[in-house]
Each structure stands twice: as C-alpha cells, then as structure tokens.
C-alpha atoms as a PDB file:
ATOM      1  CA  MET A   1     -33.996  50.591   1.390  1.00  0.00           C
ATOM      2  CA  ASP A   2     -36.845  52.068   3.416  1.00  0.00           C
ATOM      3  CA  PHE A   3     -37.103  55.769   4.302  1.00  0.00           C
ATOM      4  CA  PHE A   4     -39.708  58.521   4.666  1.00  0.00           C
ATOM      5  CA  ASP A   5     -40.040  61.797   2.738  1.00  0.00           C
ATOM      6  CA  ARG A   6     -42.683  64.516   2.794  1.00  0.00           C
ATOM      7  CA  ASP A   7     -45.244  62.292   1.107  1.00  0.00           C
ATOM      8  CA  GLY A   8     -44.727  59.203   3.273  1.00  0.00           C
ATOM      9  CA  LYS A   9     -42.752  55.940   3.254  1.00  0.00           C
ATOM     10  CA  VAL A  10     -40.524  55.205   0.269  1.00  0.00           C
ATOM     11  CA  VAL A  11     -39.144  51.714  -0.561  1.00  0.00           C
ATOM     12  CA  ILE A  12     -36.290  51.495  -3.087  1.00  0.00           C
ATOM     13  CA  PRO A  13     -35.094  47.984  -4.069  1.00  0.00           C
ATOM     14  CA  VAL A  14     -31.316  47.745  -4.194  1.00  0.00           C
ATOM     15  CA  PRO A  15     -29.740  44.543  -5.598  1.00  0.00           C
ATOM     16  CA  SER A  16     -26.998  42.972  -3.452  1.00  0.00           C
ATOM     17  CA  ASN A  17     -23.700  41.618  -4.683  1.00  0.00           C
ATOM     18  CA  PRO A  18     -23.621  37.818  -5.255  1.00  0.00           C
ATOM     19  CA  LEU A  19     -22.030  35.768  -2.454  1.00  0.00           C
ATOM     20  CA  GLN A  20     -19.430  33.302  -3.693  1.00  0.00           C
ATOM     21  CA  ILE A  21     -19.468  29.926  -1.867  1.00  0.00           C
ATOM     22  CA  GLU A  22     -16.673  27.450  -2.361  1.00  0.00           C
ATOM     23  CA  VAL A  23     -17.603  23.766  -2.152  1.00  0.00           C
ATOM     24  CA  SER A  24     -14.723  21.510  -1.140  1.00  0.00           C
ATOM     25  CA  THR A  25     -14.186  18.064   0.363  1.00  0.00           C
ATOM     26  CA  ASP A  26     -11.270  19.335   2.453  1.00  0.00           C
ATOM     27  CA  THR A  27     -11.732  19.990   6.166  1.00  0.00           C
ATOM     28  CA  ALA A  28     -12.948  23.491   6.824  1.00  0.00           C
ATOM     29  CA  ILE A  29     -10.410  25.901   8.261  1.00  0.00           C
ATOM     30  CA  ASP A  30     -11.268  27.084  11.756  1.00  0.00           C
ATOM     31  CA  ARG A  31     -12.380  30.675  11.975  1.00  0.00           C
ATOM     32  CA  PRO A  32     -10.024  32.833  14.036  1.00  0.00           C
ATOM     33  CA  ALA A  33     -10.842  32.955  17.741  1.00  0.00           C
ATOM     34  CA  ASP A  34      -8.861  34.956  20.267  1.00  0.00           C
ATOM     35  CA  ASN A  35      -9.097  35.394  24.023  1.00  0.00           C
ATOM     36  CA  VAL A  36     -10.638  31.953  24.459  1.00  0.00           C
ATOM     37  CA  ALA A  37     -11.926  31.354  28.003  1.00  0.00           C
ATOM     38  CA  ILE A  38     -13.159  27.943  29.192  1.00  0.00           C
ATOM     39  CA  THR A  39     -15.012  27.048  32.371  1.00  0.00           C
ATOM     40  CA  GLN A  40     -15.219  23.380  33.409  1.00  0.00           C
ATOM     41  CA  ILE A  41     -17.595  22.246  36.151  1.00  0.00           C
ATOM     42  CA  VAL A  42     -17.388  18.589  37.221  1.00  0.00           C
ATOM     43  CA  ASP A  43     -20.617  17.031  38.492  1.00  0.00           C
ATOM     44  CA  SER A  44     -19.966  13.988  40.705  1.00  0.00           C
ATOM     45  CA  ARG A  45     -23.235  14.035  42.644  1.00  0.00           C
ATOM     46  CA  GLU A  46     -24.358  10.775  40.990  1.00  0.00           C
ATOM     47  CA  LEU A  47     -20.990   9.059  41.167  1.00  0.00           C
ATOM     48  CA  SER A  48     -22.473   6.192  43.185  1.00  0.00           C
ATOM     49  CA  GLU A  49     -24.570   5.384  40.092  1.00  0.00           C
ATOM     50  CA  ASN A  50     -21.444   5.393  37.911  1.00  0.00           C
ATOM     51  CA  LEU A  51     -22.358   8.789  36.407  1.00  0.00           C
ATOM     52  CA  LEU A  52     -19.830  11.599  35.985  1.00  0.00           C
ATOM     53  CA  THR A  53     -20.163  14.686  33.774  1.00  0.00           C
ATOM     54  CA  ILE A  54     -18.315  17.902  33.018  1.00  0.00           C
ATOM     55  CA  ASN A  55     -20.230  21.031  32.041  1.00  0.00           C
ATOM     56  CA  VAL A  56     -18.011  23.008  29.680  1.00  0.00           C
ATOM     57  CA  SER A  57     -18.716  26.584  28.620  1.00  0.00           C
ATOM     58  CA  ALA A  58     -16.444  28.665  26.376  1.00  0.00           C
ATOM     59  CA  SER A  59     -16.329  32.217  25.044  1.00  0.00           C
ATOM     60  CA  ALA A  60     -14.047  33.917  22.535  1.00  0.00           C
ATOM     61  CA  ASP A  61     -13.503  36.908  20.316  1.00  0.00           C
ATOM     62  CA  GLY A  62     -14.385  35.247  17.035  1.00  0.00           C
ATOM     63  CA  LEU A  63     -16.082  31.950  16.239  1.00  0.00           C
ATOM     64  CA  LEU A  64     -15.455  29.067  18.617  1.00  0.00           C
ATOM     65  CA  PRO A  65     -14.524  25.659  17.136  1.00  0.00           C
ATOM     66  CA  ASN A  66     -15.778  22.267  18.279  1.00  0.00           C
ATOM     67  CA  LEU A  67     -14.881  20.979  21.730  1.00  0.00           C
ATOM     68  CA  ASP A  68     -12.256  18.547  20.443  1.00  0.00           C
ATOM     69  CA  ARG A  69     -10.314  21.567  19.159  1.00  0.00           C
ATOM     70  CA  LEU A  70     -10.380  23.164  22.602  1.00  0.00           C
ATOM     71  CA  LEU A  71      -9.822  20.299  25.088  1.00  0.00           C
ATOM     72  CA  ASP A  72      -7.597  17.240  24.845  1.00  0.00           C
ATOM     73  CA  LEU A  73     -10.194  14.472  25.103  1.00  0.00           C
ATOM     74  CA  THR A  74      -8.317  11.950  22.949  1.00  0.00           C
ATOM     75  CA  ASP A  75      -5.566  11.237  25.489  1.00  0.00           C
ATOM     76  CA  TYR A  76      -7.763  11.910  28.514  1.00  0.00           C
ATOM     77  CA  ALA A  77      -7.550   9.447  31.409  1.00  0.00           C
ATOM     78  CA  LEU A  78     -11.295   8.735  31.457  1.00  0.00           C
ATOM     79  CA  PRO A  79     -13.247   7.328  28.495  1.00  0.00           C
ATOM     80  CA  VAL A  80     -15.607   9.867  26.925  1.00  0.00           C
ATOM     81  CA  LEU A  81     -19.039   8.282  26.443  1.00  0.00           C
ATOM     82  CA  ASP A  82     -20.837  11.196  24.812  1.00  0.00           C
ATOM     83  CA  VAL A  83     -20.587  14.925  24.170  1.00  0.00           C
ATOM     84  CA  GLU A  84     -23.788  16.989  24.059  1.00  0.00           C
ATOM     85  CA  ASP A  85     -23.575  20.285  22.196  1.00  0.00           C
ATOM     86  CA  GLU A  86     -26.060  22.579  23.913  1.00  0.00           C
ATOM     87  CA  GLY A  87     -27.477  24.997  21.380  1.00  0.00           C
ATOM     88  CA  GLY A  88     -24.491  25.129  19.052  1.00  0.00           C
ATOM     89  CA  LEU A  89     -22.492  28.259  18.289  1.00  0.00           C
ATOM     90  CA  GLN A  90     -24.090  31.459  19.562  1.00  0.00           C
ATOM     91  CA  VAL A  91     -22.982  34.934  18.507  1.00  0.00           C
ATOM     92  CA  LYS A  92     -23.860  37.245  21.365  1.00  0.00           C
ATOM     93  CA  ARG A  93     -22.814  40.557  19.763  1.00  0.00           C
ATOM     94  CA  LEU A  94     -20.536  42.175  17.195  1.00  0.00           C
ATOM     95  CA  HIS A  95     -17.547  44.104  18.433  1.00  0.00           C
ATOM     96  CA  ASN A  96     -16.547  47.153  16.450  1.00  0.00           C
ATOM     97  CA  GLY A  97     -13.566  49.053  17.752  1.00  0.00           C
ATOM     98  CA  ALA A  98      -9.909  49.728  17.333  1.00  0.00           C
ATOM     99  CA  GLU A  99      -9.239  45.960  17.226  1.00  0.00           C
ATOM    100  CA  GLY A 100     -11.560  45.586  14.273  1.00  0.00           C
ATOM    101  CA  LEU A 101     -14.973  44.105  13.610  1.00  0.00           C
ATOM    102  CA  PHE A 102     -15.517  40.576  14.953  1.00  0.00           C
ATOM    103  CA  PRO A 103     -18.243  38.539  16.686  1.00  0.00           C
ATOM    104  CA  LYS A 104     -18.177  37.565  20.349  1.00  0.00           C
ATOM    105  CA  SER A 105     -19.356  33.963  20.499  1.00  0.00           C
ATOM    106  CA  GLU A 106     -20.190  31.387  23.176  1.00  0.00           C
ATOM    107  CA  ARG A 107     -20.662  27.609  23.210  1.00  0.00           C
ATOM    108  CA  SER A 108     -21.450  25.020  25.883  1.00  0.00           C
ATOM    109  CA  TRP A 109     -21.247  21.243  26.095  1.00  0.00           C
ATOM    110  CA  ILE A 110     -21.968  18.399  28.523  1.00  0.00           C
ATOM    111  CA  VAL A 111     -19.263  15.723  28.516  1.00  0.00           C
ATOM    112  CA  HIS A 112     -20.379  12.313  29.794  1.00  0.00           C
ATOM    113  CA  LEU A 113     -17.502  10.268  31.226  1.00  0.00           C
ATOM    114  CA  ASP A 114     -16.991   6.694  32.333  1.00  0.00           C
ATOM    115  CA  PRO A 115     -15.607   6.966  35.906  1.00  0.00           C
ATOM    116  CA  THR A 116     -14.678   3.273  36.196  1.00  0.00           C
ATOM    117  CA  PRO A 117     -10.876   3.825  36.013  1.00  0.00           C
ATOM    118  CA  ILE A 118     -10.881   6.126  39.049  1.00  0.00           C
ATOM    119  CA  LEU A 119     -13.376   4.033  41.047  1.00  0.00           C
ATOM    120  CA  ARG A 120     -11.864   0.606  40.567  1.00  0.00           C
ATOM    121  CA  GLY A 121     -10.248  -0.712  43.731  1.00  0.00           C
ATOM    122  CA  VAL A 122     -10.165   2.621  45.618  1.00  0.00           C
ATOM    123  CA  SER A 123     -10.358   2.549  49.416  1.00  0.00           C
ATOM    124  CA  GLU A 124      -9.342   5.968  50.765  1.00  0.00           C
ATOM    125  CA  ARG A 125     -10.267   8.640  48.208  1.00  0.00           C
ATOM    126  CA  VAL A 126     -11.343   9.206  44.597  1.00  0.00           C
ATOM    127  CA  ASP A 127      -9.094  11.649  42.714  1.00  0.00           C
ATOM    128  CA  PHE A 128     -10.111  13.465  39.559  1.00  0.00           C
ATOM    129  CA  GLU A 129      -8.215  15.598  37.044  1.00  0.00           C
ATOM    130  CA  PHE A 130      -9.827  17.925  34.484  1.00  0.00           C
ATOM    131  CA  PRO A 131      -9.027  17.681  30.757  1.00  0.00           C
ATOM    132  CA  VAL A 132      -6.211  19.936  29.578  1.00  0.00           C
ATOM    133  CA  ALA A 133      -6.751  22.789  27.106  1.00  0.00           C
ATOM    134  CA  LEU A 134      -5.051  22.244  23.755  1.00  0.00           C
ATOM    135  CA  SER A 135      -3.927  25.861  23.497  1.00  0.00           C
ATOM    136  CA  PRO A 136      -1.464  26.946  26.224  1.00  0.00           C
ATOM    137  CA  GLY A 137      -2.870  30.475  26.263  1.00  0.00           C
ATOM    138  CA  THR A 138      -6.418  29.409  27.063  1.00  0.00           C
ATOM    139  CA  ASP A 139      -7.870  30.991  30.192  1.00  0.00           C
ATOM    140  CA  THR A 140      -9.343  28.022  32.099  1.00  0.00           C
ATOM    141  CA  VAL A 141     -11.478  28.057  35.236  1.00  0.00           C
ATOM    142  CA  TYR A 142     -12.207  24.857  37.183  1.00  0.00           C
ATOM    143  CA  ARG A 143     -15.213  24.318  39.415  1.00  0.00           C
ATOM    144  CA  ARG A 144     -17.090  21.545  41.161  1.00  0.00           C
ATOM    145  CA  PHE A 145     -20.582  21.114  42.601  1.00  0.00           C
ATOM    146  CA  GLU A 146     -21.117  21.220  46.338  1.00  0.00           C
ATOM    147  CA  GLU A 147     -24.759  20.269  46.734  1.00  0.00           C
ATOM    148  CA  MET A 148     -26.455  22.659  44.269  1.00  0.00           C
ATOM    149  CA  ASP A 149     -23.799  25.360  43.975  1.00  0.00           C
ATOM    150  CA  PRO A 150     -20.643  25.351  41.838  1.00  0.00           C
ATOM    151  CA  VAL A 151     -17.515  26.358  43.762  1.00  0.00           C
ATOM    152  CA  ASP A 152     -13.961  27.031  42.604  1.00  0.00           C
ATOM    153  CA  ALA A 153     -11.634  24.055  42.329  1.00  0.00           C
ATOM    154  CA  ALA A 154      -8.136  23.134  41.200  1.00  0.00           C
ATOM    155  CA  ALA A 155      -7.120  21.252  38.064  1.00  0.00           C
ATOM    156  CA  LYS A 156      -6.786  18.091  40.194  1.00  0.00           C
ATOM    157  CA  ILE A 157      -9.203  17.478  43.056  1.00  0.00           C
ATOM    158  CA  THR A 158     -10.539  14.752  45.333  1.00  0.00           C
ATOM    159  CA  LEU A 159     -14.160  13.942  44.609  1.00  0.00           C
ATOM    160  CA  VAL A 160     -14.846  11.573  47.508  1.00  0.00           C
ATOM    161  CA  GLU A 161     -12.839  10.575  50.555  1.00  0.00           C
ATOM    162  CA  GLY A 162     -13.264   8.797  53.872  1.00  0.00           C
ATOM    163  CA  GLU A 163     -16.166   6.491  54.598  1.00  0.00           C
ATOM    164  CA  ALA A 164     -18.104   7.723  51.555  1.00  0.00           C
ATOM    165  CA  VAL A 165     -15.610   5.977  49.259  1.00  0.00           C
ATOM    166  CA  ALA A 166     -17.226   2.627  50.054  1.00  0.00           C
ATOM    167  CA  THR A 167     -20.466   3.768  48.396  1.00  0.00           C
ATOM    168  CA  VAL A 168     -18.796   4.523  45.046  1.00  0.00           C
ATOM    169  CA  ALA A 169     -15.833   2.104  44.948  1.00  0.00           C
ATOM    170  CA  GLN A 170     -15.930  -0.727  42.438  1.00  0.00           C
ATOM    171  CA  VAL A 171     -14.448  -4.192  42.617  1.00  0.00           C
ATOM    172  CA  ASP A 172     -11.419  -4.671  40.402  1.00  0.00           C
ATOM    173  CA  TYR A 173     -12.962  -7.166  38.016  1.00  0.00           C
ATOM    174  CA  ARG A 174      -9.669  -7.541  36.191  1.00  0.00           C
ATOM    175  CA  LEU A 175      -8.135  -9.166  39.284  1.00  0.00           C
ATOM    176  CA  TRP A 176     -11.218 -11.309  39.730  1.00  0.00           C
ATOM    177  CA  PHE A 177     -11.081 -12.331  36.089  1.00  0.00           C
ATOM    178  CA  ALA A 178      -7.369 -13.127  36.334  1.00  0.00           C
ATOM    179  CA  GLY A 179      -8.031 -15.289  39.394  1.00  0.00           C
ATOM    180  CA  ALA A 180     -10.886 -17.081  37.642  1.00  0.00           C
ATOM    181  CA  VAL A 181      -8.670 -17.736  34.634  1.00  0.00           C
ATOM    182  CA  GLY A 182      -5.957 -19.107  36.928  1.00  0.00           C
ATOM    183  CA  VAL A 183      -8.398 -21.490  38.615  1.00  0.00           C
ATOM    184  CA  PHE A 184      -9.734 -22.572  35.227  1.00  0.00           C
ATOM    185  CA  LEU A 185      -6.237 -23.283  33.918  1.00  0.00           C
ATOM    186  CA  LEU A 186      -5.418 -25.257  37.080  1.00  0.00           C
ATOM    187  CA  LEU A 187      -8.541 -27.384  36.718  1.00  0.00           C
ATOM    188  CA  ALA A 188      -7.850 -27.871  33.018  1.00  0.00           C
ATOM    189  CA  GLY A 189      -4.304 -29.013  33.834  1.00  0.00           C
ATOM    190  CA  LEU A 190      -5.595 -31.514  36.394  1.00  0.00           C
ATOM    191  CA  MET A 191      -8.104 -32.857  33.877  1.00  0.00           C
ATOM    192  CA  VAL A 192      -5.360 -33.308  31.287  1.00  0.00           C
ATOM    193  CA  ILE A 193      -3.175 -35.171  33.810  1.00  0.00           C
ATOM    194  CA  LEU A 194      -6.062 -37.455  34.796  1.00  0.00           C
ATOM    195  CA  ALA A 195      -6.895 -38.102  31.146  1.00  0.00           C
ATOM    196  CA  ARG A 196      -3.282 -39.008  30.426  1.00  0.00           C
ATOM    197  CA  ASN A 197      -3.165 -41.330  33.442  1.00  0.00           C
ATOM    198  CA  GLN A 198      -6.356 -43.048  32.328  1.00  0.00           C
ATOM    199  CA  LYS A 199      -5.003 -43.343  28.807  1.00  0.00           C
ATOM    200  CA  SER A 200      -1.762 -44.740  30.163  1.00  0.00           C
ATOM    201  CA  SER A 201      -3.677 -47.263  32.274  1.00  0.00           C
ATOM    202  CA  SER A 202      -5.833 -48.310  29.360  1.00  0.00           C
ATOM    203  CA  SER A 203      -2.812 -48.609  27.109  1.00  0.00           C
ATOM    204  CA  GLU A 204      -0.852 -50.862  29.461  1.00  0.00           C
ATOM    205  CA  ALA A 205      -2.130 -53.866  27.494  1.00  0.00           C
ATOM    206  CA  PRO A 206      -2.415 -52.608  23.917  1.00  0.00           C
ATOM    207  CA  SER A 207      -4.294 -54.739  21.436  1.00  0.00           C
ATOM    208  CA  LEU A 208      -2.027 -56.752  19.146  1.00  0.00           C
ATOM    209  CA  PHE A 209      -4.712 -57.295  16.505  1.00  0.00           C
ATOM    210  CA  SER A 210      -6.994 -55.164  14.381  1.00  0.00           C
ATOM    211  CA  LEU A 211      -9.628 -55.733  11.742  1.00  0.00           C
ATOM    212  CA  PRO A 212      -8.424 -55.782   8.148  1.00  0.00           C
ATOM    213  CA  THR A 213      -9.252 -52.717   6.074  1.00  0.00           C
ATOM    214  CA  GLU A 214     -10.925 -54.988   3.492  1.00  0.00           C
ATOM    215  CA  PHE A 215     -12.684 -58.233   4.345  1.00  0.00           C
ATOM    216  CA  THR A 216     -11.442 -60.889   1.949  1.00  0.00           C
ATOM    217  CA  PRO A 217     -10.780 -64.591   2.581  1.00  0.00           C
ATOM    218  CA  PHE A 218      -7.044 -63.921   2.502  1.00  0.00           C
ATOM    219  CA  SER A 219      -7.129 -61.049   5.035  1.00  0.00           C
ATOM    220  CA  VAL A 220      -9.450 -62.903   7.424  1.00  0.00           C
ATOM    221  CA  ILE A 221      -7.401 -66.133   7.258  1.00  0.00           C
ATOM    222  CA  ALA A 222      -4.229 -64.104   7.987  1.00  0.00           C
ATOM    223  CA  LEU A 223      -5.917 -62.556  11.068  1.00  0.00           C
ATOM    224  CA  LEU A 224      -6.992 -65.981  12.351  1.00  0.00           C
ATOM    225  CA  HIS A 225      -3.464 -67.341  11.864  1.00  0.00           C
ATOM    226  CA  ARG A 226      -2.006 -64.437  13.904  1.00  0.00           C
ATOM    227  CA  ILE A 227      -4.475 -65.041  16.743  1.00  0.00           C
ATOM    228  CA  LYS A 228      -3.753 -68.774  16.766  1.00  0.00           C
ATOM    229  CA  SER A 229       0.052 -68.403  16.816  1.00  0.00           C
ATOM    230  CA  SER A 230       0.209 -65.473  19.257  1.00  0.00           C
ATOM    231  CA  GLN A 231       1.715 -66.158  22.671  1.00  0.00           C
ATOM    232  CA  SER A 232      -0.242 -63.182  24.084  1.00  0.00           C
ATOM    233  CA  VAL A 233      -3.632 -64.882  23.737  1.00  0.00           C
ATOM    234  CA  GLU A 234      -4.442 -67.692  26.163  1.00  0.00           C
ATOM    235  CA  LEU A 235      -6.944 -69.777  24.206  1.00  0.00           C
ATOM    236  CA  THR A 236      -8.505 -72.805  25.823  1.00  0.00           C
ATOM    237  CA  ASP A 237      -8.197 -76.169  24.090  1.00  0.00           C
ATOM    238  CA  GLU A 238     -11.821 -75.934  23.020  1.00  0.00           C
ATOM    239  CA  GLN A 239     -11.345 -72.429  21.590  1.00  0.00           C
ATOM    240  CA  ARG A 240      -8.163 -73.455  19.796  1.00  0.00           C
ATOM    241  CA  LEU A 241      -9.975 -76.406  18.159  1.00  0.00           C
ATOM    242  CA  SER A 242     -12.886 -74.151  17.170  1.00  0.00           C
ATOM    243  CA  LEU A 243     -10.493 -71.610  15.670  1.00  0.00           C
ATOM    244  CA  GLN A 244      -8.674 -74.352  13.733  1.00  0.00           C
ATOM    245  CA  SER A 245     -12.019 -75.627  12.424  1.00  0.00           C
ATOM    246  CA  ASP A 246     -13.082 -72.162  11.253  1.00  0.00           C
ATOM    247  CA  MET A 247      -9.746 -71.681   9.500  1.00  0.00           C
ATOM    248  CA  GLN A 248      -9.995 -75.011   7.696  1.00  0.00           C
ATOM    249  CA  THR A 249     -13.583 -74.376   6.664  1.00  0.00           C
ATOM    250  CA  LEU A 250     -12.732 -70.924   5.332  1.00  0.00           C
ATOM    251  CA  GLU A 251      -9.687 -72.261   3.443  1.00  0.00           C
ATOM    252  CA  ARG A 252     -11.710 -75.094   1.961  1.00  0.00           C
ATOM    253  CA  GLN A 253     -14.524 -72.788   0.865  1.00  0.00           C
ATOM    254  CA  THR A 254     -12.026 -70.384  -0.643  1.00  0.00           C
ATOM    255  CA  PHE A 255      -9.593 -72.704  -2.418  1.00  0.00           C
ATOM    256  CA  ALA A 256     -11.302 -76.100  -2.920  1.00  0.00           C
ATOM    257  CA  ARG A 257     -12.719 -76.534  -6.417  1.00  0.00           C
ATOM    258  CA  GLU A 258     -15.606 -78.698  -5.278  1.00  0.00           C
ATOM    259  CA  GLU A 259     -16.880 -76.065  -2.854  1.00  0.00           C
ATOM    260  CA  ASP A 260     -19.383 -73.405  -3.940  1.00  0.00           C
ATOM    261  CA  THR A 261     -17.883 -69.963  -3.308  1.00  0.00           C
ATOM    262  CA  SER A 262     -21.364 -68.473  -2.922  1.00  0.00           C
ATOM    263  CA  ARG A 263     -21.656 -70.336   0.409  1.00  0.00           C
ATOM    264  CA  THR A 264     -18.674 -68.506   1.920  1.00  0.00           C
ATOM    265  CA  ARG A 265     -19.612 -67.498   5.477  1.00  0.00           C
ATOM    266  CA  ASP A 266     -19.847 -63.873   6.549  1.00  0.00           C
ATOM    267  CA  LEU A 267     -16.178 -62.871   6.643  1.00  0.00           C
ATOM    268  CA  GLU A 268     -16.667 -59.707   8.674  1.00  0.00           C
ATOM    269  CA  ALA A 269     -18.727 -61.458  11.367  1.00  0.00           C
ATOM    270  CA  LEU A 270     -16.113 -64.209  11.622  1.00  0.00           C
ATOM    271  CA  ALA A 271     -13.255 -61.717  11.928  1.00  0.00           C
ATOM    272  CA  ARG A 272     -15.049 -59.622  14.535  1.00  0.00           C
ATOM    273  CA  ARG A 273     -15.970 -62.675  16.639  1.00  0.00           C
ATOM    274  CA  TRP A 274     -12.423 -63.997  16.888  1.00  0.00           C
ATOM    275  CA  LEU A 275     -10.951 -60.497  17.301  1.00  0.00           C
ATOM    276  CA  GLY A 276     -13.222 -59.894  20.296  1.00  0.00           C
ATOM    277  CA  THR A 277     -12.179 -63.255  21.767  1.00  0.00           C
ATOM    278  CA  ALA A 278      -8.490 -62.443  21.287  1.00  0.00           C
ATOM    279  CA  ILE A 279      -8.748 -59.012  22.900  1.00  0.00           C
ATOM    280  CA  HIS A 280     -10.687 -60.471  25.847  1.00  0.00           C
ATOM    281  CA  LEU A 281      -8.080 -63.174  26.423  1.00  0.00           C
ATOM    282  CA  GLN A 282      -5.042 -61.036  25.682  1.00  0.00           C
ATOM    283  CA  ILE A 283      -2.380 -60.850  28.386  1.00  0.00           C
ATOM    284  CA  GLN A 284       0.318 -58.235  28.987  1.00  0.00           C
ATOM    285  CA  PRO A 285       3.007 -58.990  26.396  1.00  0.00           C
ATOM    286  CA  ARG A 286       6.520 -59.554  27.673  1.00  0.00           C
ATOM    287  CA  SER A 287       9.679 -58.454  25.935  1.00  0.00           C
ATOM    288  CA  GLY A 288      10.410 -60.908  23.143  1.00  0.00           C
ATOM    289  CA  ASP A 289       6.803 -62.165  22.747  1.00  0.00           C
ATOM    290  CA  SER A 290       5.690 -62.619  19.154  1.00  0.00           C
ATOM    291  CA  ILE A 291       2.250 -62.101  17.707  1.00  0.00           C
END
C-alpha cells in the first residue's frame, strides 16, 4: 500500500491471501457469458482462386469461449480448413453495477473455408449460407464485402451470379471420374472377352501328353508307348520306326542284364524330344479317340 503523509511517501507491505488453483484432467467449464453478439462477414473477393473466408467477431458480458462453442462448424456445409484466433480473449473493461461485477470481453477469428462444394458444376449463381449459432439467443449480424466495404446481408445470400459464374465455377470431377471408371471397366471387359476367346482358340486342340513329374525309365517308356498308340498323333512311317527303336533301346538298357545301366541315355531329353514331336503332329481328337 502506497500513500503520503506529512513527511512524504509511505509504503506498507500487506500480504495477500493465497490463491487456490485446482489441477484437473477434466475439460474446463466455460465461464458464464451473457448477451453474446456475433458478427460474421464473408469475404468472397478471391473466390476465383478458390479462397473463401469468414471474419467472425464476438462480444459478451463475461468471458467468451472458443469459436466451436459459439458456431456450428461441425455440421457446416463447407469444409473448414483453418481457424485463426486473432489476439485471443480480450477483456475491454469491468462492469460494476446493479447486475454485478463482470468483464466485458471480445474475440475475433478468421475462418478459412473450402468453397468447392458450392462451386462444383454451377452455371447460374453461387449461393452461400452462414454458419448457425449454437445458442438460439445469440444476436447475430451477417455482412458481406462489396469491393472494400462490408454491407449488411442475410443468413443466405448469392455470392456470384450471371456471367461472372464462369470465372469461379469448377468442373464436377466426380462425374468425370465416374465416366473414366466406366470407360476403364468397359475396356477391361473387352480385354477379358478377347483373352477368353484366345484361350478358347488355343484350347481347341488340347495336348494329350505331358512330361512325367519324375524322369525314370519306366515313366519315359510309358510316355513313348502312349505317343505310339495314340490315334491323335499322325506319325510318319520313318518317325514310327525311330520311336520303336528308341523304345527298344531304352527297354534293353533298363532291363537287359548284359547292358551297362550307366550308359542309359538322357531320359529327360528323350522325353522332351518325342513330346514336342507329338504335340506338333497332334490333330483335333474326335469323340471316342483313345490316347
């Protein structure tokens, strides 16, 4: 406490009462705020560059909460890209009267919006609707910019109309994308049909023979026997004699005691050679043909 007496300035230290602060993880309770007034000014002067903002200013008797407690931005028609809090909560003065002692506070924000939903596919005009106040008793004023000056507006207005719409309208990429997907699916269907036709053509004369899973004298001899006896392979007399000779040689090398088994010819090469010949000479099998 500072005061003056006859001898000059006197300073008397007076201890203050301790301030109790509660620390809690729970969400803080909003301070009471009455007579809330909100002014919204939409700025569409850069709409052609896909920029749209709302300048929001609020005042109240008490302490103002955050913007999401004042305006319904969660269910708003336009996506909210960013919210700038300009300066935070400001207490302009303290009111002391019959209503009691309370602060008069003010806050302001800039809300950046994505205007794509109202620009997509428009041809005649671009309509805009302001966010709704969460509290029904909120005094709300709507304005818009005309050149440099804000003028009064309604809760729902037309931002652009007439020939100027062409400068801000956007192509409906969803329709374009749907059309592109349709064309892609059509082409994919045609490719599948062509692939099936080619597969059907290639499978008109299916191969009746295949290589054994394990190359042994028994499996290779069985393959050669099937090729020789098949009515679906048109072997020449020379080829049939050569095949018979290879079969006899392989049988002799495999089963004859006097033959050295170490001299057995390459079984896989023999099987592949005659399999290739059989596939090359194979004809379309008729009903009742045997292998």
